[in-house]
Amino acid sequence: MDINIPRDKLVVITGVSGSGKSSLAFDTIYAEGQRRYIESLSSYARQFLDQMQKPDVDIIEGLPPTI
């Protein structure tokens, strides 16, 4: 799948039940943003946090860190 999601816009993900909307939003996009946020912290701060797994994607560009 190849998608482009505009920044600074309200974006809605729709589909039938079980189609992967929540997986895309939370397990992929949000998880990668959160992982980028944790990587921006100092190594001292990161030692107290669980290691985040990288989502199973080839590339995500332009995604800011997420809290």
PDB file of N, CA and C in Angstrom:
ATOM      1  N   MET A   1       0.836  -1.155   0.000  1.00  0.00           N
ATOM      2  CA  MET A   1       0.000   0.000   0.000  1.00  0.00           C
ATOM      3  C   MET A   1       0.890   1.229   0.000  1.00  0.00           C
ATOM      4  N   ASP A   2       0.528   2.219  -0.752  1.00  0.00           N
ATOM      5  CA  ASP A   2       1.249   3.484  -0.815  1.00  0.00           C
ATOM      6  C   ASP A   2       0.227   4.589  -0.583  1.00  0.00           C
ATOM      7  N   ILE A   3       0.380   5.336   0.509  1.00  0.00           N
ATOM      8  CA  ILE A   3      -0.576   6.400   0.807  1.00  0.00           C
ATOM      9  C   ILE A   3       0.155   7.701   1.101  1.00  0.00           C
ATOM     10  N   ASN A   4      -0.507   8.796   0.849  1.00  0.00           N
ATOM     11  CA  ASN A   4      -0.013  10.124   1.201  1.00  0.00           C
ATOM     12  C   ASN A   4      -1.054  10.768   2.097  1.00  0.00           C
ATOM     13  N   ILE A   5      -0.644  11.187   3.280  1.00  0.00           N
ATOM     14  CA  ILE A   5      -1.540  11.838   4.228  1.00  0.00           C
ATOM     15  C   ILE A   5      -1.041  13.262   4.410  1.00  0.00           C
ATOM     16  N   PRO A   6      -1.879  14.261   4.112  1.00  0.00           N
ATOM     17  CA  PRO A   6      -1.430  15.652   4.220  1.00  0.00           C
ATOM     18  C   PRO A   6      -1.186  16.054   5.673  1.00  0.00           C
ATOM     19  N   ARG A   7      -0.179  16.906   5.879  1.00  0.00           N
ATOM     20  CA  ARG A   7       0.107  17.432   7.217  1.00  0.00           C
ATOM     21  C   ARG A   7      -0.777  18.632   7.489  1.00  0.00           C
ATOM     22  N   ASP A   8      -1.017  18.892   8.763  1.00  0.00           N
ATOM     23  CA  ASP A   8      -1.787  20.054   9.209  1.00  0.00           C
ATOM     24  C   ASP A   8      -3.202  20.071   8.642  1.00  0.00           C
ATOM     25  N   LYS A   9      -3.767  18.907   8.428  1.00  0.00           N
ATOM     26  CA  LYS A   9      -5.146  18.771   7.945  1.00  0.00           C
ATOM     27  C   LYS A   9      -5.858  17.735   8.807  1.00  0.00           C
ATOM     28  N   LEU A  10      -7.176  17.843   8.883  1.00  0.00           N
ATOM     29  CA  LEU A  10      -7.978  16.815   9.534  1.00  0.00           C
ATOM     30  C   LEU A  10      -8.136  15.667   8.547  1.00  0.00           C
ATOM     31  N   VAL A  11      -7.693  14.479   8.941  1.00  0.00           N
ATOM     32  CA  VAL A  11      -7.732  13.315   8.064  1.00  0.00           C
ATOM     33  C   VAL A  11      -8.598  12.250   8.719  1.00  0.00           C
ATOM     34  N   VAL A  12      -9.463  11.635   7.933  1.00  0.00           N
ATOM     35  CA  VAL A  12     -10.359  10.592   8.419  1.00  0.00           C
ATOM     36  C   VAL A  12     -10.015   9.295   7.699  1.00  0.00           C
ATOM     37  N   ILE A  13      -9.902   8.215   8.458  1.00  0.00           N
ATOM     38  CA  ILE A  13      -9.656   6.895   7.881  1.00  0.00           C
ATOM     39  C   ILE A  13     -10.954   6.112   8.019  1.00  0.00           C
ATOM     40  N   THR A  14     -11.519   5.690   6.898  1.00  0.00           N
ATOM     41  CA  THR A  14     -12.793   4.969   6.930  1.00  0.00           C
ATOM     42  C   THR A  14     -12.649   3.608   6.273  1.00  0.00           C
ATOM     43  N   GLY A  15     -13.581   2.735   6.585  1.00  0.00           N
ATOM     44  CA  GLY A  15     -13.610   1.407   5.992  1.00  0.00           C
ATOM     45  C   GLY A  15     -14.511   0.504   6.801  1.00  0.00           C
ATOM     46  N   VAL A  16     -14.776  -0.656   6.261  1.00  0.00           N
ATOM     47  CA  VAL A  16     -15.641  -1.612   6.948  1.00  0.00           C
ATOM     48  C   VAL A  16     -14.930  -2.181   8.168  1.00  0.00           C
ATOM     49  N   SER A  17     -15.697  -2.748   9.063  1.00  0.00           N
ATOM     50  CA  SER A  17     -15.157  -3.355  10.272  1.00  0.00           C
ATOM     51  C   SER A  17     -14.134  -4.431   9.906  1.00  0.00           C
ATOM     52  N   GLY A  18     -12.973  -4.364  10.561  1.00  0.00           N
ATOM     53  CA  GLY A  18     -11.941  -5.360  10.313  1.00  0.00           C
ATOM     54  C   GLY A  18     -11.030  -5.056   9.139  1.00  0.00           C
ATOM     55  N   SER A  19     -11.162  -3.872   8.552  1.00  0.00           N
ATOM     56  CA  SER A  19     -10.362  -3.558   7.364  1.00  0.00           C
ATOM     57  C   SER A  19      -8.969  -3.025   7.686  1.00  0.00           C
ATOM     58  N   GLY A  20      -8.675  -2.748   8.970  1.00  0.00           N
ATOM     59  CA  GLY A  20      -7.332  -2.320   9.349  1.00  0.00           C
ATOM     60  C   GLY A  20      -7.181  -0.844   9.636  1.00  0.00           C
ATOM     61  N   LYS A  21      -8.293  -0.149   9.838  1.00  0.00           N
ATOM     62  CA  LYS A  21      -8.235   1.295  10.113  1.00  0.00           C
ATOM     63  C   LYS A  21      -7.437   1.584  11.377  1.00  0.00           C
ATOM     64  N   SER A  22      -7.768   0.921  12.465  1.00  0.00           N
ATOM     65  CA  SER A  22      -7.073   1.148  13.738  1.00  0.00           C
ATOM     66  C   SER A  22      -5.628   0.688  13.660  1.00  0.00           C
ATOM     67  N   SER A  23      -5.379  -0.396  12.964  1.00  0.00           N
ATOM     68  CA  SER A  23      -4.003  -0.879  12.806  1.00  0.00           C
ATOM     69  C   SER A  23      -3.157   0.144  12.066  1.00  0.00           C
ATOM     70  N   LEU A  24      -3.708   0.740  11.023  1.00  0.00           N
ATOM     71  CA  LEU A  24      -2.977   1.762  10.278  1.00  0.00           C
ATOM     72  C   LEU A  24      -2.733   2.986  11.150  1.00  0.00           C
ATOM     73  N   ALA A  25      -3.782   3.458  11.825  1.00  0.00           N
ATOM     74  CA  ALA A  25      -3.676   4.688  12.612  1.00  0.00           C
ATOM     75  C   ALA A  25      -2.793   4.517  13.839  1.00  0.00           C
ATOM     76  N   PHE A  26      -3.020   3.464  14.619  1.00  0.00           N
ATOM     77  CA  PHE A  26      -2.330   3.326  15.899  1.00  0.00           C
ATOM     78  C   PHE A  26      -1.077   2.456  15.832  1.00  0.00           C
ATOM     79  N   ASP A  27      -1.182   1.296  15.203  1.00  0.00           N
ATOM     80  CA  ASP A  27      -0.058   0.351  15.199  1.00  0.00           C
ATOM     81  C   ASP A  27       1.035   0.736  14.210  1.00  0.00           C
ATOM     82  N   THR A  28       0.720   1.581  13.249  1.00  0.00           N
ATOM     83  CA  THR A  28       1.718   1.971  12.252  1.00  0.00           C
ATOM     84  C   THR A  28       2.093   3.443  12.376  1.00  0.00           C
ATOM     85  N   ILE A  29       1.152   4.336  12.095  1.00  0.00           N
ATOM     86  CA  ILE A  29       1.473   5.769  12.056  1.00  0.00           C
ATOM     87  C   ILE A  29       1.822   6.299  13.445  1.00  0.00           C
ATOM     88  N   TYR A  30       0.949   6.071  14.422  1.00  0.00           N
ATOM     89  CA  TYR A  30       1.207   6.576  15.772  1.00  0.00           C
ATOM     90  C   TYR A  30       2.433   5.905  16.389  1.00  0.00           C
ATOM     91  N   ALA A  31       2.574   4.602  16.195  1.00  0.00           N
ATOM     92  CA  ALA A  31       3.715   3.879  16.769  1.00  0.00           C
ATOM     93  C   ALA A  31       5.038   4.409  16.231  1.00  0.00           C
ATOM     94  N   GLU A  32       5.096   4.719  14.943  1.00  0.00           N
ATOM     95  CA  GLU A  32       6.331   5.258  14.369  1.00  0.00           C
ATOM     96  C   GLU A  32       6.600   6.664  14.891  1.00  0.00           C
ATOM     97  N   GLY A  33       5.568   7.488  15.013  1.00  0.00           N
ATOM     98  CA  GLY A  33       5.746   8.828  15.572  1.00  0.00           C
ATOM     99  C   GLY A  33       6.227   8.782  17.009  1.00  0.00           C
ATOM    100  N   GLN A  34       5.686   7.865  17.783  1.00  0.00           N
ATOM    101  CA  GLN A  34       6.099   7.712  19.179  1.00  0.00           C
ATOM    102  C   GLN A  34       7.541   7.209  19.265  1.00  0.00           C
ATOM    103  N   ARG A  35       7.893   6.279  18.383  1.00  0.00           N
ATOM    104  CA  ARG A  35       9.267   5.767  18.359  1.00  0.00           C
ATOM    105  C   ARG A  35      10.246   6.893  18.017  1.00  0.00           C
ATOM    106  N   ARG A  36       9.866   7.768  17.093  1.00  0.00           N
ATOM    107  CA  ARG A  36      10.723   8.899  16.732  1.00  0.00           C
ATOM    108  C   ARG A  36      10.864   9.874  17.895  1.00  0.00           C
ATOM    109  N   TYR A  37       9.801  10.071  18.651  1.00  0.00           N
ATOM    110  CA  TYR A  37       9.878  10.945  19.823  1.00  0.00           C
ATOM    111  C   TYR A  37      10.863  10.368  20.841  1.00  0.00           C
ATOM    112  N   ILE A  38      10.751   9.094  21.130  1.00  0.00           N
ATOM    113  CA  ILE A  38      11.625   8.468  22.120  1.00  0.00           C
ATOM    114  C   ILE A  38      13.077   8.517  21.655  1.00  0.00           C
ATOM    115  N   GLU A  39      13.314   8.345  20.362  1.00  0.00           N
ATOM    116  CA  GLU A  39      14.681   8.421  19.845  1.00  0.00           C
ATOM    117  C   GLU A  39      15.258   9.824  19.942  1.00  0.00           C
ATOM    118  N   SER A  40      14.395  10.841  20.049  1.00  0.00           N
ATOM    119  CA  SER A  40      14.881  12.220  20.163  1.00  0.00           C
ATOM    120  C   SER A  40      15.333  12.553  21.583  1.00  0.00           C
ATOM    121  N   LEU A  41      15.006  11.695  22.545  1.00  0.00           N
ATOM    122  CA  LEU A  41      15.405  11.922  23.932  1.00  0.00           C
ATOM    123  C   LEU A  41      16.869  11.536  24.125  1.00  0.00           C
ATOM    124  N   SER A  42      17.432  12.001  25.202  1.00  0.00           N
ATOM    125  CA  SER A  42      18.820  11.650  25.507  1.00  0.00           C
ATOM    126  C   SER A  42      18.927  10.156  25.800  1.00  0.00           C
ATOM    127  N   SER A  43      20.111   9.620  25.640  1.00  0.00           N
ATOM    128  CA  SER A  43      20.307   8.195  25.923  1.00  0.00           C
ATOM    129  C   SER A  43      20.035   7.897  27.393  1.00  0.00           C
ATOM    130  N   TYR A  44      20.293   8.861  28.257  1.00  0.00           N
ATOM    131  CA  TYR A  44      19.998   8.680  29.681  1.00  0.00           C
ATOM    132  C   TYR A  44      18.499   8.503  29.897  1.00  0.00           C
ATOM    133  N   ALA A  45      17.688   9.340  29.283  1.00  0.00           N
ATOM    134  CA  ALA A  45      16.231   9.247  29.437  1.00  0.00           C
ATOM    135  C   ALA A  45      15.695   7.969  28.800  1.00  0.00           C
ATOM    136  N   ARG A  46      16.256   7.576  27.650  1.00  0.00           N
ATOM    137  CA  ARG A  46      15.775   6.380  26.948  1.00  0.00           C
ATOM    138  C   ARG A  46      16.013   5.108  27.736  1.00  0.00           C
ATOM    139  N   GLN A  47      17.014   5.083  28.605  1.00  0.00           N
ATOM    140  CA  GLN A  47      17.303   3.848  29.334  1.00  0.00           C
ATOM    141  C   GLN A  47      16.172   3.464  30.279  1.00  0.00           C
ATOM    142  N   PHE A  48      15.309   4.408  30.635  1.00  0.00           N
ATOM    143  CA  PHE A  48      14.206   4.131  31.542  1.00  0.00           C
ATOM    144  C   PHE A  48      12.918   3.761  30.806  1.00  0.00           C
ATOM    145  N   LEU A  49      12.934   3.804  29.488  1.00  0.00           N
ATOM    146  CA  LEU A  49      11.751   3.512  28.690  1.00  0.00           C
ATOM    147  C   LEU A  49      11.905   2.175  27.987  1.00  0.00           C
ATOM    148  N   ASP A  50      10.777   1.546  27.700  1.00  0.00           N
ATOM    149  CA  ASP A  50      10.803   0.299  26.944  1.00  0.00           C
ATOM    150  C   ASP A  50      11.260   0.568  25.516  1.00  0.00           C
ATOM    151  N   GLN A  51      11.995  -0.373  24.965  1.00  0.00           N
ATOM    152  CA  GLN A  51      12.444  -0.259  23.578  1.00  0.00           C
ATOM    153  C   GLN A  51      11.237  -0.410  22.660  1.00  0.00           C
ATOM    154  N   MET A  52      11.071   0.516  21.733  1.00  0.00           N
ATOM    155  CA  MET A  52       9.930   0.480  20.814  1.00  0.00           C
ATOM    156  C   MET A  52      10.329  -0.265  19.544  1.00  0.00           C
ATOM    157  N   GLN A  53       9.462  -1.152  19.101  1.00  0.00           N
ATOM    158  CA  GLN A  53       9.691  -1.863  17.849  1.00  0.00           C
ATOM    159  C   GLN A  53       9.305  -0.973  16.677  1.00  0.00           C
ATOM    160  N   LYS A  54      10.071  -1.044  15.611  1.00  0.00           N
ATOM    161  CA  LYS A  54       9.751  -0.278  14.403  1.00  0.00           C
ATOM    162  C   LYS A  54       8.587  -0.967  13.693  1.00  0.00           C
ATOM    163  N   PRO A  55       7.571  -0.196  13.281  1.00  0.00           N
ATOM    164  CA  PRO A  55       6.457  -0.811  12.543  1.00  0.00           C
ATOM    165  C   PRO A  55       6.946  -1.486  11.267  1.00  0.00           C
ATOM    166  N   ASP A  56       6.195  -2.473  10.807  1.00  0.00           N
ATOM    167  CA  ASP A  56       6.561  -3.239   9.615  1.00  0.00           C
ATOM    168  C   ASP A  56       6.196  -2.450   8.355  1.00  0.00           C
ATOM    169  N   VAL A  57       7.021  -1.459   8.041  1.00  0.00           N
ATOM    170  CA  VAL A  57       6.823  -0.630   6.846  1.00  0.00           C
ATOM    171  C   VAL A  57       8.171  -0.441   6.161  1.00  0.00           C
ATOM    172  N   ASP A  58       8.123  -0.147   4.881  1.00  0.00           N
ATOM    173  CA  ASP A  58       9.364   0.118   4.149  1.00  0.00           C
ATOM    174  C   ASP A  58       9.886   1.513   4.449  1.00  0.00           C
ATOM    175  N   ILE A  59       8.999   2.520   4.406  1.00  0.00           N
ATOM    176  CA  ILE A  59       9.442   3.893   4.624  1.00  0.00           C
ATOM    177  C   ILE A  59       8.259   4.755   5.063  1.00  0.00           C
ATOM    178  N   ILE A  60       8.535   5.650   5.990  1.00  0.00           N
ATOM    179  CA  ILE A  60       7.580   6.686   6.386  1.00  0.00           C
ATOM    180  C   ILE A  60       8.356   7.989   6.373  1.00  0.00           C
ATOM    181  N   GLU A  61       7.912   8.930   5.556  1.00  0.00           N
ATOM    182  CA  GLU A  61       8.610  10.211   5.435  1.00  0.00           C
ATOM    183  C   GLU A  61       7.745  11.343   5.969  1.00  0.00           C
ATOM    184  N   GLY A  62       8.386  12.333   6.579  1.00  0.00           N
ATOM    185  CA  GLY A  62       7.695  13.543   6.991  1.00  0.00           C
ATOM    186  C   GLY A  62       6.833  13.421   8.225  1.00  0.00           C
ATOM    187  N   LEU A  63       6.947  12.327   8.938  1.00  0.00           N
ATOM    188  CA  LEU A  63       6.138  12.130  10.141  1.00  0.00           C
ATOM    189  C   LEU A  63       6.856  12.753  11.331  1.00  0.00           C
ATOM    190  N   PRO A  64       6.212  13.698  12.021  1.00  0.00           N
ATOM    191  CA  PRO A  64       6.862  14.304  13.183  1.00  0.00           C
ATOM    192  C   PRO A  64       6.796  13.366  14.389  1.00  0.00           C
ATOM    193  N   PRO A  65       7.654  13.585  15.380  1.00  0.00           N
ATOM    194  CA  PRO A  65       7.553  12.817  16.622  1.00  0.00           C
ATOM    195  C   PRO A  65       6.172  13.010  17.249  1.00  0.00           C
ATOM    196  N   THR A  66       5.671  11.972  17.899  1.00  0.00           N
ATOM    197  CA  THR A  66       4.330  11.969  18.476  1.00  0.00           C
ATOM    198  C   THR A  66       4.396  11.665  19.966  1.00  0.00           C
ATOM    199  N   ILE A  67       3.608  12.397  20.729  1.00  0.00           N
ATOM    200  CA  ILE A  67       3.540  12.144  22.179  1.00  0.00           C
ATOM    201  C   ILE A  67       2.264  11.402  22.475  1.00  0.00           C
TER     202      ILE A  67
END
